Amino acid sequence: MQKTVNVANVMCGGCSSTIESNLTEMDGVNKVEVNVEKKSVTLEFEDSRVDEVMAKVTEKLTELGYPVQ
């Protein structure tokens, strides 16, 4: 399953790298793509764990300084 969320504070390739490297390491996350222009993060993960994984992803993004809007 794929889900896209809008995030604050994404300004550059460094932001993108930080988000991608941290979220890719998370259990249940298969793929992460950051769009700096749209300030969005697209995630691909297992269908059966959507709510669990998204809660952890949202928490991690906030911790990194990129809160979900």
PDB file of N, CA and C in Angstrom:
ATOM      1  N   MET A   1       0.844  -1.172   0.000  1.00  0.00           N
ATOM      2  CA  MET A   1       0.000   0.000   0.000  1.00  0.00           C
ATOM      3  C   MET A   1       0.890   1.234   0.000  1.00  0.00           C
ATOM      4  N   GLN A   2       0.397   2.285  -0.591  1.00  0.00           N
ATOM      5  CA  GLN A   2       1.106   3.560  -0.639  1.00  0.00           C
ATOM      6  C   GLN A   2       0.283   4.642   0.037  1.00  0.00           C
ATOM      7  N   LYS A   3       0.976   5.528   0.739  1.00  0.00           N
ATOM      8  CA  LYS A   3       0.302   6.661   1.366  1.00  0.00           C
ATOM      9  C   LYS A   3       1.220   7.866   1.263  1.00  0.00           C
ATOM     10  N   THR A   4       0.635   9.028   0.951  1.00  0.00           N
ATOM     11  CA  THR A   4       1.401  10.270   0.863  1.00  0.00           C
ATOM     12  C   THR A   4       0.909  11.223   1.938  1.00  0.00           C
ATOM     13  N   VAL A   5       1.874  11.829   2.644  1.00  0.00           N
ATOM     14  CA  VAL A   5       1.548  12.810   3.678  1.00  0.00           C
ATOM     15  C   VAL A   5       2.306  14.095   3.391  1.00  0.00           C
ATOM     16  N   ASN A   6       1.720  15.215   3.752  1.00  0.00           N
ATOM     17  CA  ASN A   6       2.385  16.510   3.634  1.00  0.00           C
ATOM     18  C   ASN A   6       3.139  16.769   4.926  1.00  0.00           C
ATOM     19  N   VAL A   7       4.366  17.283   4.781  1.00  0.00           N
ATOM     20  CA  VAL A   7       5.195  17.547   5.948  1.00  0.00           C
ATOM     21  C   VAL A   7       5.730  18.971   5.898  1.00  0.00           C
ATOM     22  N   ALA A   8       5.971  19.525   7.072  1.00  0.00           N
ATOM     23  CA  ALA A   8       6.523  20.882   7.177  1.00  0.00           C
ATOM     24  C   ALA A   8       8.049  20.822   7.180  1.00  0.00           C
ATOM     25  N   ASN A   9       8.662  21.926   6.827  1.00  0.00           N
ATOM     26  CA  ASN A   9      10.101  22.144   6.969  1.00  0.00           C
ATOM     27  C   ASN A   9      10.991  21.400   5.980  1.00  0.00           C
ATOM     28  N   VAL A  10      10.442  20.787   4.955  1.00  0.00           N
ATOM     29  CA  VAL A  10      11.279  20.127   3.947  1.00  0.00           C
ATOM     30  C   VAL A  10      11.742  21.202   2.968  1.00  0.00           C
ATOM     31  N   MET A  11      13.060  21.459   2.966  1.00  0.00           N
ATOM     32  CA  MET A  11      13.585  22.566   2.174  1.00  0.00           C
ATOM     33  C   MET A  11      14.613  22.158   1.117  1.00  0.00           C
ATOM     34  N   CYS A  12      15.262  20.997   1.296  1.00  0.00           N
ATOM     35  CA  CYS A  12      16.396  20.698   0.424  1.00  0.00           C
ATOM     36  C   CYS A  12      16.674  19.201   0.349  1.00  0.00           C
ATOM     37  N   GLY A  13      17.689  18.867  -0.401  1.00  0.00           N
ATOM     38  CA  GLY A  13      18.096  17.478  -0.543  1.00  0.00           C
ATOM     39  C   GLY A  13      18.571  16.871   0.762  1.00  0.00           C
ATOM     40  N   GLY A  14      19.148  17.699   1.632  1.00  0.00           N
ATOM     41  CA  GLY A  14      19.574  17.206   2.938  1.00  0.00           C
ATOM     42  C   GLY A  14      18.391  16.748   3.776  1.00  0.00           C
ATOM     43  N   CYS A  15      17.318  17.522   3.714  1.00  0.00           N
ATOM     44  CA  CYS A  15      16.082  17.148   4.418  1.00  0.00           C
ATOM     45  C   CYS A  15      15.565  15.827   3.878  1.00  0.00           C
ATOM     46  N   SER A  16      15.560  15.728   2.564  1.00  0.00           N
ATOM     47  CA  SER A  16      15.089  14.521   1.893  1.00  0.00           C
ATOM     48  C   SER A  16      15.904  13.307   2.320  1.00  0.00           C
ATOM     49  N   SER A  17      17.219  13.443   2.343  1.00  0.00           N
ATOM     50  CA  SER A  17      18.103  12.336   2.731  1.00  0.00           C
ATOM     51  C   SER A  17      17.863  11.918   4.176  1.00  0.00           C
ATOM     52  N   THR A  18      17.700  12.903   5.057  1.00  0.00           N
ATOM     53  CA  THR A  18      17.455  12.612   6.470  1.00  0.00           C
ATOM     54  C   THR A  18      16.169  11.812   6.641  1.00  0.00           C
ATOM     55  N   ILE A  19      15.107  12.273   5.989  1.00  0.00           N
ATOM     56  CA  ILE A  19      13.812  11.595   6.095  1.00  0.00           C
ATOM     57  C   ILE A  19      13.903  10.189   5.515  1.00  0.00           C
ATOM     58  N   GLU A  20      14.433  10.070   4.297  1.00  0.00           N
ATOM     59  CA  GLU A  20      14.500   8.771   3.639  1.00  0.00           C
ATOM     60  C   GLU A  20      15.332   7.775   4.439  1.00  0.00           C
ATOM     61  N   SER A  21      16.497   8.190   4.932  1.00  0.00           N
ATOM     62  CA  SER A  21      17.354   7.250   5.653  1.00  0.00           C
ATOM     63  C   SER A  21      16.726   6.802   6.971  1.00  0.00           C
ATOM     64  N   ASN A  22      16.075   7.722   7.674  1.00  0.00           N
ATOM     65  CA  ASN A  22      15.454   7.353   8.945  1.00  0.00           C
ATOM     66  C   ASN A  22      14.205   6.500   8.779  1.00  0.00           C
ATOM     67  N   LEU A  23      13.360   6.827   7.813  1.00  0.00           N
ATOM     68  CA  LEU A  23      12.117   6.074   7.655  1.00  0.00           C
ATOM     69  C   LEU A  23      12.341   4.721   6.991  1.00  0.00           C
ATOM     70  N   THR A  24      13.315   4.624   6.098  1.00  0.00           N
ATOM     71  CA  THR A  24      13.588   3.359   5.423  1.00  0.00           C
ATOM     72  C   THR A  24      14.025   2.289   6.421  1.00  0.00           C
ATOM     73  N   GLU A  25      14.669   2.709   7.500  1.00  0.00           N
ATOM     74  CA  GLU A  25      15.135   1.770   8.525  1.00  0.00           C
ATOM     75  C   GLU A  25      13.997   1.242   9.402  1.00  0.00           C
ATOM     76  N   MET A  26      12.835   1.849   9.336  1.00  0.00           N
ATOM     77  CA  MET A  26      11.731   1.468  10.209  1.00  0.00           C
ATOM     78  C   MET A  26      11.088   0.155   9.765  1.00  0.00           C
ATOM     79  N   ASP A  27      10.719  -0.642  10.753  1.00  0.00           N
ATOM     80  CA  ASP A  27      10.040  -1.909  10.501  1.00  0.00           C
ATOM     81  C   ASP A  27       8.685  -1.649   9.837  1.00  0.00           C
ATOM     82  N   GLY A  28       8.424  -2.329   8.753  1.00  0.00           N
ATOM     83  CA  GLY A  28       7.145  -2.198   8.050  1.00  0.00           C
ATOM     84  C   GLY A  28       7.167  -1.221   6.898  1.00  0.00           C
ATOM     85  N   VAL A  29       8.216  -0.398   6.785  1.00  0.00           N
ATOM     86  CA  VAL A  29       8.330   0.566   5.693  1.00  0.00           C
ATOM     87  C   VAL A  29       9.200  -0.060   4.603  1.00  0.00           C
ATOM     88  N   ASN A  30       8.631  -0.173   3.397  1.00  0.00           N
ATOM     89  CA  ASN A  30       9.354  -0.789   2.288  1.00  0.00           C
ATOM     90  C   ASN A  30      10.058   0.231   1.401  1.00  0.00           C
ATOM     91  N   LYS A  31       9.465   1.420   1.256  1.00  0.00           N
ATOM     92  CA  LYS A  31      10.020   2.424   0.351  1.00  0.00           C
ATOM     93  C   LYS A  31       9.589   3.809   0.811  1.00  0.00           C
ATOM     94  N   VAL A  32      10.494   4.786   0.644  1.00  0.00           N
ATOM     95  CA  VAL A  32      10.208   6.172   1.021  1.00  0.00           C
ATOM     96  C   VAL A  32      10.667   7.085  -0.107  1.00  0.00           C
ATOM     97  N   GLU A  33       9.793   7.990  -0.526  1.00  0.00           N
ATOM     98  CA  GLU A  33      10.155   9.003  -1.523  1.00  0.00           C
ATOM     99  C   GLU A  33       9.733  10.366  -1.003  1.00  0.00           C
ATOM    100  N   VAL A  34      10.668  11.312  -1.025  1.00  0.00           N
ATOM    101  CA  VAL A  34      10.390  12.670  -0.558  1.00  0.00           C
ATOM    102  C   VAL A  34      10.338  13.593  -1.771  1.00  0.00           C
ATOM    103  N   ASN A  35       9.310  14.422  -1.833  1.00  0.00           N
ATOM    104  CA  ASN A  35       9.195  15.430  -2.876  1.00  0.00           C
ATOM    105  C   ASN A  35       9.368  16.792  -2.201  1.00  0.00           C
ATOM    106  N   VAL A  36      10.539  17.396  -2.417  1.00  0.00           N
ATOM    107  CA  VAL A  36      10.869  18.664  -1.761  1.00  0.00           C
ATOM    108  C   VAL A  36       9.929  19.780  -2.225  1.00  0.00           C
ATOM    109  N   GLU A  37       9.645  19.841  -3.519  1.00  0.00           N
ATOM    110  CA  GLU A  37       8.766  20.895  -4.051  1.00  0.00           C
ATOM    111  C   GLU A  37       7.373  20.859  -3.435  1.00  0.00           C
ATOM    112  N   LYS A  38       6.816  19.663  -3.319  1.00  0.00           N
ATOM    113  CA  LYS A  38       5.463  19.519  -2.774  1.00  0.00           C
ATOM    114  C   LYS A  38       5.449  19.374  -1.260  1.00  0.00           C
ATOM    115  N   LYS A  39       6.652  19.285  -0.664  1.00  0.00           N
ATOM    116  CA  LYS A  39       6.775  19.063   0.778  1.00  0.00           C
ATOM    117  C   LYS A  39       5.947  17.855   1.203  1.00  0.00           C
ATOM    118  N   SER A  40       6.196  16.732   0.504  1.00  0.00           N
ATOM    119  CA  SER A  40       5.442  15.528   0.801  1.00  0.00           C
ATOM    120  C   SER A  40       6.364  14.315   0.902  1.00  0.00           C
ATOM    121  N   VAL A  41       5.866  13.308   1.596  1.00  0.00           N
ATOM    122  CA  VAL A  41       6.567  12.034   1.735  1.00  0.00           C
ATOM    123  C   VAL A  41       5.602  10.943   1.314  1.00  0.00           C
ATOM    124  N   THR A  42       6.036  10.106   0.372  1.00  0.00           N
ATOM    125  CA  THR A  42       5.237   8.970  -0.062  1.00  0.00           C
ATOM    126  C   THR A  42       5.876   7.708   0.496  1.00  0.00           C
ATOM    127  N   LEU A  43       5.060   6.909   1.154  1.00  0.00           N
ATOM    128  CA  LEU A  43       5.527   5.690   1.808  1.00  0.00           C
ATOM    129  C   LEU A  43       4.877   4.476   1.174  1.00  0.00           C
ATOM    130  N   GLU A  44       5.643   3.409   1.087  1.00  0.00           N
ATOM    131  CA  GLU A  44       5.098   2.132   0.645  1.00  0.00           C
ATOM    132  C   GLU A  44       5.326   1.158   1.791  1.00  0.00           C
ATOM    133  N   PHE A  45       4.249   0.473   2.196  1.00  0.00           N
ATOM    134  CA  PHE A  45       4.358  -0.437   3.323  1.00  0.00           C
ATOM    135  C   PHE A  45       3.335  -1.545   3.224  1.00  0.00           C
ATOM    136  N   GLU A  46       3.429  -2.489   4.162  1.00  0.00           N
ATOM    137  CA  GLU A  46       2.546  -3.648   4.173  1.00  0.00           C
ATOM    138  C   GLU A  46       1.112  -3.235   4.492  1.00  0.00           C
ATOM    139  N   ASP A  47       0.163  -3.737   3.708  1.00  0.00           N
ATOM    140  CA  ASP A  47      -1.245  -3.388   3.882  1.00  0.00           C
ATOM    141  C   ASP A  47      -1.777  -3.688   5.278  1.00  0.00           C
ATOM    142  N   SER A  48      -1.349  -4.791   5.847  1.00  0.00           N
ATOM    143  CA  SER A  48      -1.916  -5.231   7.122  1.00  0.00           C
ATOM    144  C   SER A  48      -1.487  -4.373   8.312  1.00  0.00           C
ATOM    145  N   ARG A  49      -0.510  -3.493   8.114  1.00  0.00           N
ATOM    146  CA  ARG A  49       0.032  -2.735   9.237  1.00  0.00           C
ATOM    147  C   ARG A  49      -0.101  -1.224   9.047  1.00  0.00           C
ATOM    148  N   VAL A  50      -1.032  -0.778   8.249  1.00  0.00           N
ATOM    149  CA  VAL A  50      -1.158   0.633   7.897  1.00  0.00           C
ATOM    150  C   VAL A  50      -1.209   1.541   9.124  1.00  0.00           C
ATOM    151  N   ASP A  51      -2.146   1.323  10.009  1.00  0.00           N
ATOM    152  CA  ASP A  51      -2.329   2.215  11.160  1.00  0.00           C
ATOM    153  C   ASP A  51      -1.110   2.201  12.077  1.00  0.00           C
ATOM    154  N   GLU A  52      -0.592   1.019  12.348  1.00  0.00           N
ATOM    155  CA  GLU A  52       0.575   0.876  13.233  1.00  0.00           C
ATOM    156  C   GLU A  52       1.799   1.593  12.661  1.00  0.00           C
ATOM    157  N   VAL A  53       2.082   1.344  11.388  1.00  0.00           N
ATOM    158  CA  VAL A  53       3.258   1.938  10.748  1.00  0.00           C
ATOM    159  C   VAL A  53       3.104   3.448  10.616  1.00  0.00           C
ATOM    160  N   MET A  54       1.938   3.924  10.219  1.00  0.00           N
ATOM    161  CA  MET A  54       1.737   5.369  10.055  1.00  0.00           C
ATOM    162  C   MET A  54       1.865   6.112  11.380  1.00  0.00           C
ATOM    163  N   ALA A  55       1.422   5.515  12.470  1.00  0.00           N
ATOM    164  CA  ALA A  55       1.566   6.147  13.782  1.00  0.00           C
ATOM    165  C   ALA A  55       3.048   6.315  14.118  1.00  0.00           C
ATOM    166  N   LYS A  56       3.834   5.300  13.853  1.00  0.00           N
ATOM    167  CA  LYS A  56       5.271   5.354  14.135  1.00  0.00           C
ATOM    168  C   LYS A  56       5.984   6.319  13.186  1.00  0.00           C
ATOM    169  N   VAL A  57       5.573   6.347  11.928  1.00  0.00           N
ATOM    170  CA  VAL A  57       6.169   7.253  10.942  1.00  0.00           C
ATOM    171  C   VAL A  57       5.876   8.702  11.330  1.00  0.00           C
ATOM    172  N   THR A  58       4.645   8.985  11.693  1.00  0.00           N
ATOM    173  CA  THR A  58       4.258  10.342  12.102  1.00  0.00           C
ATOM    174  C   THR A  58       5.071  10.789  13.314  1.00  0.00           C
ATOM    175  N   GLU A  59       5.230   9.908  14.259  1.00  0.00           N
ATOM    176  CA  GLU A  59       6.020  10.209  15.459  1.00  0.00           C
ATOM    177  C   GLU A  59       7.486  10.470  15.089  1.00  0.00           C
ATOM    178  N   LYS A  60       8.040   9.644  14.222  1.00  0.00           N
ATOM    179  CA  LYS A  60       9.443   9.794  13.818  1.00  0.00           C
ATOM    180  C   LYS A  60       9.658  11.094  13.053  1.00  0.00           C
ATOM    181  N   LEU A  61       8.745  11.420  12.133  1.00  0.00           N
ATOM    182  CA  LEU A  61       8.873  12.664  11.368  1.00  0.00           C
ATOM    183  C   LEU A  61       8.852  13.870  12.312  1.00  0.00           C
ATOM    184  N   THR A  62       7.995  13.871  13.289  1.00  0.00           N
ATOM    185  CA  THR A  62       7.916  14.956  14.264  1.00  0.00           C
ATOM    186  C   THR A  62       9.220  15.041  15.051  1.00  0.00           C
ATOM    187  N   GLU A  63       9.726  13.904  15.458  1.00  0.00           N
ATOM    188  CA  GLU A  63      10.987  13.839  16.202  1.00  0.00           C
ATOM    189  C   GLU A  63      12.152  14.418  15.377  1.00  0.00           C
ATOM    190  N   LEU A  64      12.125  14.188  14.063  1.00  0.00           N
ATOM    191  CA  LEU A  64      13.169  14.686  13.174  1.00  0.00           C
ATOM    192  C   LEU A  64      13.011  16.165  12.820  1.00  0.00           C
ATOM    193  N   GLY A  65      11.848  16.744  13.174  1.00  0.00           N
ATOM    194  CA  GLY A  65      11.605  18.159  12.879  1.00  0.00           C
ATOM    195  C   GLY A  65      10.803  18.387  11.613  1.00  0.00           C
ATOM    196  N   TYR A  66      10.123  17.344  11.129  1.00  0.00           N
ATOM    197  CA  TYR A  66       9.290  17.433   9.926  1.00  0.00           C
ATOM    198  C   TYR A  66       7.879  16.949  10.242  1.00  0.00           C
ATOM    199  N   PRO A  67       7.120  17.730  11.020  1.00  0.00           N
ATOM    200  CA  PRO A  67       5.798  17.268  11.431  1.00  0.00           C
ATOM    201  C   PRO A  67       4.818  17.120  10.257  1.00  0.00           C
ATOM    202  N   VAL A  68       3.978  16.109  10.352  1.00  0.00           N
ATOM    203  CA  VAL A  68       2.942  15.872   9.346  1.00  0.00           C
ATOM    204  C   VAL A  68       1.886  16.946   9.497  1.00  0.00           C
ATOM    205  N   GLN A  69       1.451  17.512   8.377  1.00  0.00           N
ATOM    206  CA  GLN A  69       0.439  18.577   8.407  1.00  0.00           C
ATOM    207  C   GLN A  69      -0.924  18.029   8.091  1.00  0.00           C
TER     208      GLN A  69
END
